[in-house]
Amino acid sequence: MTRGYINMSLDRTLEGRRIELMWCNDPHTKLRPGSRGTIKWERFDDVWSEEHIAVAWDDGSNLNLLKGQDHYKVFPEGEGGEEDE
């Protein structure tokens, strides 16, 4: 029996950048448009063909975003902090 290889490559290009939620389709999240957080990592899962963005949300929420499904704004490096609101 051959085991398949799952490619879930990590991308740290956006790690540490600030992000703001514009809209997401998760009806159970406490996050609202305008919620901000810091990107921990990005990962592409080639089994599901989805790109996940893990975020440390300022309010403590644990919702990952999905590129192409959720809407968000990534701030340029050094921007997007509370002082920029």
Protein backbone atom coordinates (compact mmCIF):
# COMPACT_ATOMS: atom_id res chain seq x y z
CA MET A 1 0.00 0.00 0.00
CA THR A 2 1.41 3.38 -1.01
CA ARG A 3 0.91 6.38 1.20
CA GLY A 4 0.03 9.61 -0.55
CA TYR A 5 1.96 12.80 -0.03
CA ILE A 6 -0.01 15.84 1.02
CA ASN A 7 1.63 19.13 0.19
CA MET A 8 0.76 21.79 2.71
CA SER A 9 3.55 24.26 2.16
CA LEU A 10 3.98 27.12 4.59
CA ASP A 11 4.57 30.62 3.32
CA ARG A 12 5.92 33.20 5.75
CA THR A 13 5.85 36.13 3.30
CA LEU A 14 3.02 37.88 5.15
CA GLU A 15 3.96 36.71 8.64
CA GLY A 16 3.68 39.58 11.13
CA ARG A 17 1.66 41.84 8.83
CA ARG A 18 -1.63 43.30 10.04
CA ILE A 19 -4.92 42.23 8.50
CA GLU A 20 -8.49 43.55 8.67
CA LEU A 21 -11.59 41.44 8.11
CA MET A 22 -14.00 42.84 5.56
CA TRP A 23 -16.39 39.86 5.37
CA CYS A 24 -16.42 36.12 6.06
CA ASN A 25 -19.02 33.42 5.52
CA ASP A 26 -18.69 31.78 8.96
CA PRO A 27 -22.00 32.39 10.77
CA HIS A 28 -20.56 31.27 14.12
CA THR A 29 -17.60 33.65 14.40
CA LYS A 30 -17.63 36.58 16.80
CA LEU A 31 -15.46 38.53 14.35
CA ARG A 32 -17.12 41.42 12.59
CA PRO A 33 -16.12 43.60 9.64
CA GLY A 34 -13.29 45.84 10.83
CA SER A 35 -11.80 43.22 13.20
CA ARG A 36 -8.01 43.27 13.05
CA GLY A 37 -5.25 40.83 13.77
CA THR A 38 -1.70 39.77 12.94
CA ILE A 39 -0.90 37.13 10.32
CA LYS A 40 0.86 34.07 11.78
CA TRP A 41 1.36 32.13 8.51
CA GLU A 42 -0.14 31.15 5.16
CA ARG A 43 -0.53 27.58 3.99
CA PHE A 44 -1.61 26.09 0.67
CA ASP A 45 -3.39 22.76 0.97
CA ASP A 46 -3.21 21.09 -2.44
CA VAL A 47 -5.72 18.38 -1.47
CA TRP A 48 -8.51 20.92 -1.10
CA SER A 49 -6.84 23.58 -3.28
CA GLU A 50 -7.31 26.14 -0.55
CA GLU A 51 -4.97 28.74 0.83
CA HIS A 52 -5.36 29.31 4.57
CA ILE A 53 -4.20 32.40 6.42
CA ALA A 54 -3.76 31.88 10.17
CA VAL A 55 -4.43 35.06 12.12
CA ALA A 56 -3.88 36.01 15.76
CA TRP A 57 -6.97 38.20 16.11
CA ASP A 58 -6.78 41.13 18.52
CA ASP A 59 -9.92 39.93 20.35
CA GLY A 60 -8.47 36.42 20.84
CA SER A 61 -10.58 34.67 18.17
CA ASN A 62 -9.11 31.66 16.36
CA LEU A 63 -10.54 31.91 12.84
CA ASN A 64 -8.32 31.16 9.84
CA LEU A 65 -9.22 32.94 6.62
CA LEU A 66 -9.57 31.27 3.24
CA LYS A 67 -8.29 33.10 0.17
CA GLY A 68 -11.02 33.45 -2.42
CA GLN A 69 -13.83 32.90 0.11
CA ASP A 70 -13.25 35.45 2.85
CA HIS A 71 -12.66 39.13 2.17
CA TYR A 72 -9.91 40.99 3.99
CA LYS A 73 -7.31 43.72 3.66
CA VAL A 74 -3.61 43.10 4.32
CA PHE A 75 -1.85 46.27 5.40
CA PRO A 76 1.58 47.25 4.11
CA GLU A 77 4.39 46.34 6.48
CA GLY A 78 4.40 48.61 9.52
CA GLU A 79 0.80 49.78 9.05
CA GLY A 80 -2.57 48.65 10.41
CA GLY A 81 -1.92 49.08 14.11
CA GLU A 82 -4.45 50.64 16.49
CA GLU A 83 -2.81 54.03 16.01
CA ASP A 84 -3.76 53.85 12.29
CA GLU A 85 -7.52 53.58 12.97
